[in-house]
Amino acid sequence: IAINWSGGLHHAKKSEASGFCYINDIVLAILELLKVHARVLYIDIDVHHGDGVEEAFYCTDRVMTLSLHKFGEGFFPGTGHIKDVGAKEGTGYSVNAPLTDGMTDEAYEGIF
């Protein structure tokens, strides 16, 4: 188990900075974990969708990304729709729980 209490720089992409993130430390950590583990589960509970991490592993079944985030028009980064589930070998390995304003503790607990 690895925990980054500050959330990490999960918006950076392979070829561009995004959302104040210029390097994706989460992706780098997962790549290191994959050197010794067959699979990695990444859980992102930041209010913003972990788009850079999801994009990096969208087509592989070795990393499952689970992102709980606010989702709505005009909210950064605008990704993480519930229908975004991965592609190719990674189909089903991207899980998004888009949340709206007004989420209560009970409703949040119900996700699990």
Foldseek 3Di string as FASTA:
>chain_A
DDDDVVQFLLADAPPGHPDPRPDGPVQVVVVVVVVPDQAEEAEGEDQAFSVRNCVVCQAAPRYAYEYEHAADPPDPPNDQDQPSQGDHNRGNRYGGHHDYPPDDPVNVVVVD
